[in-house]
Amino acid sequence: GDVLCTFDSAAIQENLSITEKTLTNESAVTKNTAKQN
């Protein structure tokens, strides 16, 4: 449980936020496509 080492997480967090927004849009498109099908 001791903390041994840390890394800079800022860039990873930013990319994660962008990816999650894209994923939300893709999910909406997928649901709509499924509904149309």
PDB file of all heavy atoms in Angstrom:
ATOM      1  N   GLY A   1       0.801  -1.221   0.000  1.00  0.00           N
ATOM      2  CA  GLY A   1       0.000   0.000   0.000  1.00  0.00           C
ATOM      3  C   GLY A   1       0.830   1.266   0.000  1.00  0.00           C
ATOM      4  O   GLY A   1       0.303   2.349  -0.287  1.00  0.00           O
ATOM      5  N   ASP A   2       2.139   1.150   0.303  1.00  0.00           N
ATOM      6  CA  ASP A   2       3.006   2.341   0.265  1.00  0.00           C
ATOM      7  C   ASP A   2       3.092   2.876  -1.157  1.00  0.00           C
ATOM      8  O   ASP A   2       3.208   2.106  -2.119  1.00  0.00           O
ATOM      9  CB  ASP A   2       4.418   2.003   0.754  1.00  0.00           C
ATOM     10  CG  ASP A   2       4.466   1.753   2.256  1.00  0.00           C
ATOM     11  OD1 ASP A   2       3.452   2.041   2.921  1.00  0.00           O
ATOM     12  OD2 ASP A   2       5.507   1.269   2.744  1.00  0.00           O
ATOM     13  N   VAL A   3       3.051   4.207  -1.302  1.00  0.00           N
ATOM     14  CA  VAL A   3       3.192   4.837  -2.622  1.00  0.00           C
ATOM     15  C   VAL A   3       4.669   4.841  -2.988  1.00  0.00           C
ATOM     16  O   VAL A   3       5.502   5.435  -2.299  1.00  0.00           O
ATOM     17  CB  VAL A   3       2.628   6.265  -2.626  1.00  0.00           C
ATOM     18  CG1 VAL A   3       2.837   6.910  -3.990  1.00  0.00           C
ATOM     19  CG2 VAL A   3       1.154   6.246  -2.269  1.00  0.00           C
ATOM     20  N   LEU A   4       4.987   4.183  -4.087  1.00  0.00           N
ATOM     21  CA  LEU A   4       6.384   4.038  -4.503  1.00  0.00           C
ATOM     22  C   LEU A   4       6.793   5.082  -5.535  1.00  0.00           C
ATOM     23  O   LEU A   4       7.913   5.583  -5.515  1.00  0.00           O
ATOM     24  CB  LEU A   4       6.610   2.641  -5.096  1.00  0.00           C
ATOM     25  CG  LEU A   4       6.171   1.449  -4.234  1.00  0.00           C
ATOM     26  CD1 LEU A   4       6.428   0.157  -4.986  1.00  0.00           C
ATOM     27  CD2 LEU A   4       6.889   1.442  -2.903  1.00  0.00           C
ATOM     28  N   CYS A   5       5.866   5.408  -6.446  1.00  0.00           N
ATOM     29  CA  CYS A   5       6.230   6.251  -7.583  1.00  0.00           C
ATOM     30  C   CYS A   5       4.952   6.883  -8.141  1.00  0.00           C
ATOM     31  O   CYS A   5       3.867   6.290  -8.077  1.00  0.00           O
ATOM     32  CB  CYS A   5       6.916   5.389  -8.649  1.00  0.00           C
ATOM     33  SG  CYS A   5       7.408   6.269 -10.133  1.00  0.00           S
ATOM     34  N   THR A   6       5.056   8.127  -8.692  1.00  0.00           N
ATOM     35  CA  THR A   6       3.911   8.785  -9.315  1.00  0.00           C
ATOM     36  C   THR A   6       4.296   9.322 -10.681  1.00  0.00           C
ATOM     37  O   THR A   6       5.463   9.618 -10.942  1.00  0.00           O
ATOM     38  CB  THR A   6       3.377   9.934  -8.437  1.00  0.00           C
ATOM     39  OG1 THR A   6       4.441  10.874  -8.218  1.00  0.00           O
ATOM     40  CG2 THR A   6       2.854   9.427  -7.116  1.00  0.00           C
ATOM     41  N   PHE A   7       3.275   9.447 -11.555  1.00  0.00           N
ATOM     42  CA  PHE A   7       3.471   9.959 -12.911  1.00  0.00           C
ATOM     43  C   PHE A   7       2.553  11.151 -13.149  1.00  0.00           C
ATOM     44  O   PHE A   7       1.513  11.304 -12.490  1.00  0.00           O
ATOM     45  CB  PHE A   7       3.150   8.870 -13.944  1.00  0.00           C
ATOM     46  CG  PHE A   7       4.042   7.673 -13.866  1.00  0.00           C
ATOM     47  CD1 PHE A   7       3.701   6.587 -13.067  1.00  0.00           C
ATOM     48  CD2 PHE A   7       5.227   7.628 -14.572  1.00  0.00           C
ATOM     49  CE1 PHE A   7       4.520   5.478 -12.991  1.00  0.00           C
ATOM     50  CE2 PHE A   7       6.052   6.515 -14.498  1.00  0.00           C
ATOM     51  CZ  PHE A   7       5.703   5.443 -13.707  1.00  0.00           C
ATOM     52  N   ASP A   8       2.930  11.992 -14.124  1.00  0.00           N
ATOM     53  CA  ASP A   8       2.113  13.142 -14.508  1.00  0.00           C
ATOM     54  C   ASP A   8       0.866  12.641 -15.238  1.00  0.00           C
ATOM     55  O   ASP A   8       0.958  12.058 -16.324  1.00  0.00           O
ATOM     56  CB  ASP A   8       2.930  14.069 -15.412  1.00  0.00           C
ATOM     57  CG  ASP A   8       2.168  15.341 -15.755  1.00  0.00           C
ATOM     58  OD1 ASP A   8       1.049  15.516 -15.246  1.00  0.00           O
ATOM     59  OD2 ASP A   8       2.696  16.159 -16.541  1.00  0.00           O
ATOM     60  N   SER A   9      -0.313  12.907 -14.657  1.00  0.00           N
ATOM     61  CA  SER A   9      -1.553  12.374 -15.214  1.00  0.00           C
ATOM     62  C   SER A   9      -2.352  13.395 -16.018  1.00  0.00           C
ATOM     63  O   SER A   9      -3.427  13.066 -16.540  1.00  0.00           O
ATOM     64  CB  SER A   9      -2.435  11.826 -14.084  1.00  0.00           C
ATOM     65  OG  SER A   9      -2.779  12.882 -13.188  1.00  0.00           O
ATOM     66  N   ALA A  10      -1.882  14.644 -16.147  1.00  0.00           N
ATOM     67  CA  ALA A  10      -2.665  15.717 -16.774  1.00  0.00           C
ATOM     68  C   ALA A  10      -3.026  15.389 -18.224  1.00  0.00           C
ATOM     69  O   ALA A  10      -4.189  15.473 -18.629  1.00  0.00           O
ATOM     70  CB  ALA A  10      -1.898  17.037 -16.698  1.00  0.00           C
ATOM     71  N   ALA A  11      -2.019  15.004 -19.027  1.00  0.00           N
ATOM     72  CA  ALA A  11      -2.266  14.730 -20.448  1.00  0.00           C
ATOM     73  C   ALA A  11      -3.178  13.516 -20.613  1.00  0.00           C
ATOM     74  O   ALA A  11      -4.063  13.496 -21.478  1.00  0.00           O
ATOM     75  CB  ALA A  11      -0.941  14.503 -21.166  1.00  0.00           C
ATOM     76  N   ILE A  12      -2.977  12.519 -19.773  1.00  0.00           N
ATOM     77  CA  ILE A  12      -3.814  11.315 -19.846  1.00  0.00           C
ATOM     78  C   ILE A  12      -5.258  11.660 -19.506  1.00  0.00           C
ATOM     79  O   ILE A  12      -6.190  11.216 -20.170  1.00  0.00           O
ATOM     80  CB  ILE A  12      -3.273  10.232 -18.890  1.00  0.00           C
ATOM     81  CG1 ILE A  12      -1.863   9.804 -19.315  1.00  0.00           C
ATOM     82  CG2 ILE A  12      -4.205   9.025 -18.863  1.00  0.00           C
ATOM     83  CD1 ILE A  12      -1.198   8.845 -18.344  1.00  0.00           C
ATOM     84  N   GLN A  13      -5.450  12.492 -18.466  1.00  0.00           N
ATOM     85  CA  GLN A  13      -6.798  12.881 -18.062  1.00  0.00           C
ATOM     86  C   GLN A  13      -7.512  13.656 -19.162  1.00  0.00           C
ATOM     87  O   GLN A  13      -8.694  13.450 -19.437  1.00  0.00           O
ATOM     88  CB  GLN A  13      -6.728  13.725 -16.783  1.00  0.00           C
ATOM     89  CG  GLN A  13      -8.090  14.130 -16.230  1.00  0.00           C
ATOM     90  CD  GLN A  13      -8.922  12.940 -15.826  1.00  0.00           C
ATOM     91  OE1 GLN A  13      -8.586  12.247 -14.860  1.00  0.00           O
ATOM     92  NE2 GLN A  13     -10.012  12.685 -16.537  1.00  0.00           N
ATOM     93  N   GLU A  14      -6.772  14.568 -19.836  1.00  0.00           N
ATOM     94  CA  GLU A  14      -7.353  15.356 -20.923  1.00  0.00           C
ATOM     95  C   GLU A  14      -7.782  14.453 -22.073  1.00  0.00           C
ATOM     96  O   GLU A  14      -8.903  14.586 -22.609  1.00  0.00           O
ATOM     97  CB  GLU A  14      -6.340  16.394 -21.410  1.00  0.00           C
ATOM     98  CG  GLU A  14      -6.879  17.291 -22.522  1.00  0.00           C
ATOM     99  CD  GLU A  14      -5.871  18.330 -22.969  1.00  0.00           C
ATOM    100  OE1 GLU A  14      -4.772  18.401 -22.371  1.00  0.00           O
ATOM    101  OE2 GLU A  14      -6.172  19.066 -23.923  1.00  0.00           O
ATOM    102  N   ASN A  15      -6.905  13.551 -22.480  1.00  0.00           N
ATOM    103  CA  ASN A  15      -7.239  12.627 -23.572  1.00  0.00           C
ATOM    104  C   ASN A  15      -8.408  11.724 -23.192  1.00  0.00           C
ATOM    105  O   ASN A  15      -9.251  11.379 -24.031  1.00  0.00           O
ATOM    106  CB  ASN A  15      -6.025  11.775 -23.926  1.00  0.00           C
ATOM    107  CG  ASN A  15      -4.939  12.566 -24.622  1.00  0.00           C
ATOM    108  OD1 ASN A  15      -5.226  13.581 -25.272  1.00  0.00           O
ATOM    109  ND2 ASN A  15      -3.688  12.131 -24.490  1.00  0.00           N
ATOM    110  N   LEU A  16      -8.475  11.355 -21.918  1.00  0.00           N
ATOM    111  CA  LEU A  16      -9.563  10.504 -21.463  1.00  0.00           C
ATOM    112  C   LEU A  16     -10.900  11.239 -21.560  1.00  0.00           C
ATOM    113  O   LEU A  16     -11.911  10.657 -21.968  1.00  0.00           O
ATOM    114  CB  LEU A  16      -9.302  10.053 -20.023  1.00  0.00           C
ATOM    115  CG  LEU A  16     -10.356   9.142 -19.391  1.00  0.00           C
ATOM    116  CD1 LEU A  16     -10.517   7.857 -20.198  1.00  0.00           C
ATOM    117  CD2 LEU A  16      -9.992   8.821 -17.939  1.00  0.00           C
ATOM    118  N   SER A  17     -10.918  12.529 -21.203  1.00  0.00           N
ATOM    119  CA  SER A  17     -12.150  13.312 -21.275  1.00  0.00           C
ATOM    120  C   SER A  17     -12.636  13.416 -22.710  1.00  0.00           C
ATOM    121  O   SER A  17     -13.837  13.257 -22.992  1.00  0.00           O
ATOM    122  CB  SER A  17     -11.917  14.715 -20.697  1.00  0.00           C
ATOM    123  OG  SER A  17     -11.566  14.643 -19.330  1.00  0.00           O
ATOM    124  N   ILE A  18     -11.723  13.679 -23.650  1.00  0.00           N
ATOM    125  CA  ILE A  18     -12.086  13.782 -25.072  1.00  0.00           C
ATOM    126  C   ILE A  18     -12.634  12.445 -25.567  1.00  0.00           C
ATOM    127  O   ILE A  18     -13.646  12.384 -26.264  1.00  0.00           O
ATOM    128  CB  ILE A  18     -10.863  14.217 -25.900  1.00  0.00           C
ATOM    129  CG1 ILE A  18     -10.443  15.631 -25.520  1.00  0.00           C
ATOM    130  CG2 ILE A  18     -11.174  14.126 -27.398  1.00  0.00           C
ATOM    131  CD1 ILE A  18      -9.133  16.080 -26.159  1.00  0.00           C
ATOM    132  N   THR A  19     -11.973  11.381 -25.188  1.00  0.00           N
ATOM    133  CA  THR A  19     -12.389  10.046 -25.632  1.00  0.00           C
ATOM    134  C   THR A  19     -13.756   9.682 -25.078  1.00  0.00           C
ATOM    135  O   THR A  19     -14.578   9.075 -25.772  1.00  0.00           O
ATOM    136  CB  THR A  19     -11.350   8.999 -25.188  1.00  0.00           C
ATOM    137  OG1 THR A  19     -10.069   9.349 -25.722  1.00  0.00           O
ATOM    138  CG2 THR A  19     -11.717   7.609 -25.685  1.00  0.00           C
ATOM    139  N   GLU A  20     -14.020  10.053 -23.833  1.00  0.00           N
ATOM    140  CA  GLU A  20     -15.317   9.734 -23.238  1.00  0.00           C
ATOM    141  C   GLU A  20     -16.449  10.489 -23.926  1.00  0.00           C
ATOM    142  O   GLU A  20     -17.552   9.960 -24.085  1.00  0.00           O
ATOM    143  CB  GLU A  20     -15.282  10.039 -21.743  1.00  0.00           C
ATOM    144  CG  GLU A  20     -14.455   9.015 -20.953  1.00  0.00           C
ATOM    145  CD  GLU A  20     -14.353   9.363 -19.477  1.00  0.00           C
ATOM    146  OE1 GLU A  20     -14.617  10.550 -19.140  1.00  0.00           O
ATOM    147  OE2 GLU A  20     -14.007   8.468 -18.675  1.00  0.00           O
ATOM    148  N   LYS A  21     -16.193  11.750 -24.355  1.00  0.00           N
ATOM    149  CA  LYS A  21     -17.211  12.493 -25.100  1.00  0.00           C
ATOM    150  C   LYS A  21     -17.478  11.824 -26.448  1.00  0.00           C
ATOM    151  O   LYS A  21     -18.637  11.670 -26.862  1.00  0.00           O
ATOM    152  CB  LYS A  21     -16.742  13.928 -25.322  1.00  0.00           C
ATOM    153  CG  LYS A  21     -16.735  14.773 -24.056  1.00  0.00           C
ATOM    154  CD  LYS A  21     -16.257  16.191 -24.340  1.00  0.00           C
ATOM    155  CE  LYS A  21     -16.233  17.034 -23.058  1.00  0.00           C
ATOM    156  NZ  LYS A  21     -15.734  18.404 -23.323  1.00  0.00           N
ATOM    157  N   THR A  22     -16.406  11.423 -27.122  1.00  0.00           N
ATOM    158  CA  THR A  22     -16.559  10.721 -28.404  1.00  0.00           C
ATOM    159  C   THR A  22     -17.331   9.429 -28.204  1.00  0.00           C
ATOM    160  O   THR A  22     -18.190   9.064 -29.011  1.00  0.00           O
ATOM    161  CB  THR A  22     -15.178  10.421 -29.004  1.00  0.00           C
ATOM    162  OG1 THR A  22     -14.459  11.648 -29.177  1.00  0.00           O
ATOM    163  CG2 THR A  22     -15.302   9.722 -30.350  1.00  0.00           C
ATOM    164  N   LEU A  23     -17.037   8.753 -27.124  1.00  0.00           N
ATOM    165  CA  LEU A  23     -17.706   7.489 -26.838  1.00  0.00           C
ATOM    166  C   LEU A  23     -19.199   7.704 -26.585  1.00  0.00           C
ATOM    167  O   LEU A  23     -20.034   6.899 -27.006  1.00  0.00           O
ATOM    168  CB  LEU A  23     -17.048   6.830 -25.621  1.00  0.00           C
ATOM    169  CG  LEU A  23     -17.408   5.368 -25.342  1.00  0.00           C
ATOM    170  CD1 LEU A  23     -17.039   4.501 -26.526  1.00  0.00           C
ATOM    171  CD2 LEU A  23     -16.701   4.887 -24.083  1.00  0.00           C
ATOM    172  N   THR A  24     -19.536   8.815 -25.917  1.00  0.00           N
ATOM    173  CA  THR A  24     -20.954   9.128 -25.672  1.00  0.00           C
ATOM    174  C   THR A  24     -21.695   9.346 -26.985  1.00  0.00           C
ATOM    175  O   THR A  24     -22.808   8.852 -27.181  1.00  0.00           O
ATOM    176  CB  THR A  24     -21.064  10.379 -24.782  1.00  0.00           C
ATOM    177  OG1 THR A  24     -20.415  10.132 -23.536  1.00  0.00           O
ATOM    178  CG2 THR A  24     -22.525  10.739 -24.529  1.00  0.00           C
ATOM    179  N   ASN A  25     -21.052  10.099 -27.904  1.00  0.00           N
ATOM    180  CA  ASN A  25     -21.670  10.344 -29.216  1.00  0.00           C
ATOM    181  C   ASN A  25     -21.829   9.037 -29.995  1.00  0.00           C
ATOM    182  O   ASN A  25     -22.867   8.790 -30.625  1.00  0.00           O
ATOM    183  CB  ASN A  25     -20.831  11.335 -30.015  1.00  0.00           C
ATOM    184  CG  ASN A  25     -20.832  12.725 -29.388  1.00  0.00           C
ATOM    185  OD1 ASN A  25     -21.768  13.082 -28.665  1.00  0.00           O
ATOM    186  ND2 ASN A  25     -19.796  13.514 -29.658  1.00  0.00           N
ATOM    187  N   GLU A  26     -20.793   8.225 -29.965  1.00  0.00           N
ATOM    188  CA  GLU A  26     -20.850   6.948 -30.679  1.00  0.00           C
ATOM    189  C   GLU A  26     -21.954   6.066 -30.109  1.00  0.00           C
ATOM    190  O   GLU A  26     -22.665   5.379 -30.847  1.00  0.00           O
ATOM    191  CB  GLU A  26     -19.504   6.223 -30.583  1.00  0.00           C
ATOM    192  CG  GLU A  26     -18.409   6.826 -31.440  1.00  0.00           C
ATOM    193  CD  GLU A  26     -17.134   6.012 -31.358  1.00  0.00           C
ATOM    194  OE1 GLU A  26     -17.094   5.047 -30.564  1.00  0.00           O
ATOM    195  OE2 GLU A  26     -16.180   6.328 -32.092  1.00  0.00           O
ATOM    196  N   SER A  27     -22.127   6.129 -28.805  1.00  0.00           N
ATOM    197  CA  SER A  27     -23.165   5.323 -28.170  1.00  0.00           C
ATOM    198  C   SER A  27     -24.550   5.775 -28.623  1.00  0.00           C
ATOM    199  O   SER A  27     -25.427   4.948 -28.889  1.00  0.00           O
ATOM    200  CB  SER A  27     -23.040   5.429 -26.644  1.00  0.00           C
ATOM    201  OG  SER A  27     -24.055   4.706 -26.009  1.00  0.00           O
ATOM    202  N   ALA A  28     -24.743   7.101 -28.727  1.00  0.00           N
ATOM    203  CA  ALA A  28     -26.033   7.625 -29.177  1.00  0.00           C
ATOM    204  C   ALA A  28     -26.321   7.199 -30.611  1.00  0.00           C
ATOM    205  O   ALA A  28     -27.450   6.803 -30.950  1.00  0.00           O
ATOM    206  CB  ALA A  28     -26.040   9.150 -29.065  1.00  0.00           C
ATOM    207  N   VAL A  29     -25.287   7.285 -31.473  1.00  0.00           N
ATOM    208  CA  VAL A  29     -25.453   6.874 -32.868  1.00  0.00           C
ATOM    209  C   VAL A  29     -25.772   5.386 -32.952  1.00  0.00           C
ATOM    210  O   VAL A  29     -26.641   4.955 -33.714  1.00  0.00           O
ATOM    211  CB  VAL A  29     -24.181   7.212 -33.676  1.00  0.00           C
ATOM    212  CG1 VAL A  29     -24.253   6.588 -35.065  1.00  0.00           C
ATOM    213  CG2 VAL A  29     -23.996   8.712 -33.779  1.00  0.00           C
ATOM    214  N   THR A  30     -25.088   4.615 -32.154  1.00  0.00           N
ATOM    215  CA  THR A  30     -25.309   3.164 -32.152  1.00  0.00           C
ATOM    216  C   THR A  30     -26.727   2.827 -31.711  1.00  0.00           C
ATOM    217  O   THR A  30     -27.391   1.974 -32.307  1.00  0.00           O
ATOM    218  CB  THR A  30     -24.291   2.480 -31.221  1.00  0.00           C
ATOM    219  OG1 THR A  30     -22.971   2.747 -31.688  1.00  0.00           O
ATOM    220  CG2 THR A  30     -24.510   0.981 -31.205  1.00  0.00           C
ATOM    221  N   LYS A  31     -27.188   3.508 -30.665  1.00  0.00           N
ATOM    222  CA  LYS A  31     -28.550   3.257 -30.191  1.00  0.00           C
ATOM    223  C   LYS A  31     -29.579   3.638 -31.251  1.00  0.00           C
ATOM    224  O   LYS A  31     -30.574   2.932 -31.455  1.00  0.00           O
ATOM    225  CB  LYS A  31     -28.803   4.035 -28.912  1.00  0.00           C
ATOM    226  CG  LYS A  31     -28.061   3.493 -27.699  1.00  0.00           C
ATOM    227  CD  LYS A  31     -28.360   4.303 -26.459  1.00  0.00           C
ATOM    228  CE  LYS A  31     -27.614   3.734 -25.251  1.00  0.00           C
ATOM    229  NZ  LYS A  31     -27.880   4.529 -24.030  1.00  0.00           N
ATOM    230  N   ASN A  32     -29.357   4.804 -31.926  1.00  0.00           N
ATOM    231  CA  ASN A  32     -30.291   5.245 -32.965  1.00  0.00           C
ATOM    232  C   ASN A  32     -30.305   4.265 -34.139  1.00  0.00           C
ATOM    233  O   ASN A  32     -31.378   3.939 -34.689  1.00  0.00           O
ATOM    234  CB  ASN A  32     -29.911   6.639 -33.443  1.00  0.00           C
ATOM    235  CG  ASN A  32     -30.898   7.194 -34.458  1.00  0.00           C
ATOM    236  OD1 ASN A  32     -32.063   7.419 -34.145  1.00  0.00           O
ATOM    237  ND2 ASN A  32     -30.435   7.408 -35.686  1.00  0.00           N
ATOM    238  N   THR A  33     -29.129   3.809 -34.512  1.00  0.00           N
ATOM    239  CA  THR A  33     -29.029   2.838 -35.612  1.00  0.00           C
ATOM    240  C   THR A  33     -29.762   1.554 -35.244  1.00  0.00           C
ATOM    241  O   THR A  33     -30.489   0.982 -36.067  1.00  0.00           O
ATOM    242  CB  THR A  33     -27.555   2.525 -35.905  1.00  0.00           C
ATOM    243  OG1 THR A  33     -26.894   3.733 -36.289  1.00  0.00           O
ATOM    244  CG2 THR A  33     -27.432   1.513 -37.033  1.00  0.00           C
ATOM    245  N   ALA A  34     -29.601   1.131 -34.020  1.00  0.00           N
ATOM    246  CA  ALA A  34     -30.282  -0.079 -33.566  1.00  0.00           C
ATOM    247  C   ALA A  34     -31.793   0.111 -33.597  1.00  0.00           C
ATOM    248  O   ALA A  34     -32.546  -0.788 -34.001  1.00  0.00           O
ATOM    249  CB  ALA A  34     -29.820  -0.440 -32.154  1.00  0.00           C
ATOM    250  N   LYS A  35     -32.235   1.302 -33.194  1.00  0.00           N
ATOM    251  CA  LYS A  35     -33.664   1.589 -33.208  1.00  0.00           C
ATOM    252  C   LYS A  35     -34.215   1.576 -34.632  1.00  0.00           C
ATOM    253  O   LYS A  35     -35.293   1.011 -34.891  1.00  0.00           O
ATOM    254  CB  LYS A  35     -33.904   2.961 -32.569  1.00  0.00           C
ATOM    255  CG  LYS A  35     -35.374   3.325 -32.406  1.00  0.00           C
ATOM    256  CD  LYS A  35     -35.506   4.655 -31.681  1.00  0.00           C
ATOM    257  CE  LYS A  35     -36.977   5.032 -31.505  1.00  0.00           C
ATOM    258  NZ  LYS A  35     -37.135   6.337 -30.811  1.00  0.00           N
ATOM    259  N   GLN A  36     -33.466   2.185 -35.570  1.00  0.00           N
ATOM    260  CA  GLN A  36     -33.880   2.201 -36.968  1.00  0.00           C
ATOM    261  C   GLN A  36     -33.913   0.796 -37.554  1.00  0.00           C
ATOM    262  O   GLN A  36     -34.815   0.441 -38.328  1.00  0.00           O
ATOM    263  CB  GLN A  36     -32.927   3.090 -37.783  1.00  0.00           C
ATOM    264  CG  GLN A  36     -32.988   4.569 -37.431  1.00  0.00           C
ATOM    265  CD  GLN A  36     -34.375   5.160 -37.667  1.00  0.00           C
ATOM    266  OE1 GLN A  36     -35.042   4.843 -38.661  1.00  0.00           O
ATOM    267  NE2 GLN A  36     -34.819   6.005 -36.739  1.00  0.00           N
ATOM    268  N   ASN A  37     -32.939   0.006 -37.188  1.00  0.00           N
ATOM    269  CA  ASN A  37     -32.892  -1.372 -37.694  1.00  0.00           C
ATOM    270  C   ASN A  37     -34.077  -2.186 -37.174  1.00  0.00           C
ATOM    271  O   ASN A  37     -34.658  -2.999 -37.903  1.00  0.00           O
ATOM    272  CB  ASN A  37     -31.578  -2.040 -37.284  1.00  0.00           C
ATOM    273  CG  ASN A  37     -30.380  -1.444 -37.996  1.00  0.00           C
ATOM    274  OD1 ASN A  37     -30.514  -0.842 -39.078  1.00  0.00           O
ATOM    275  ND2 ASN A  37     -29.199  -1.600 -37.416  1.00  0.00           N
TER     276      ASN A  37
END
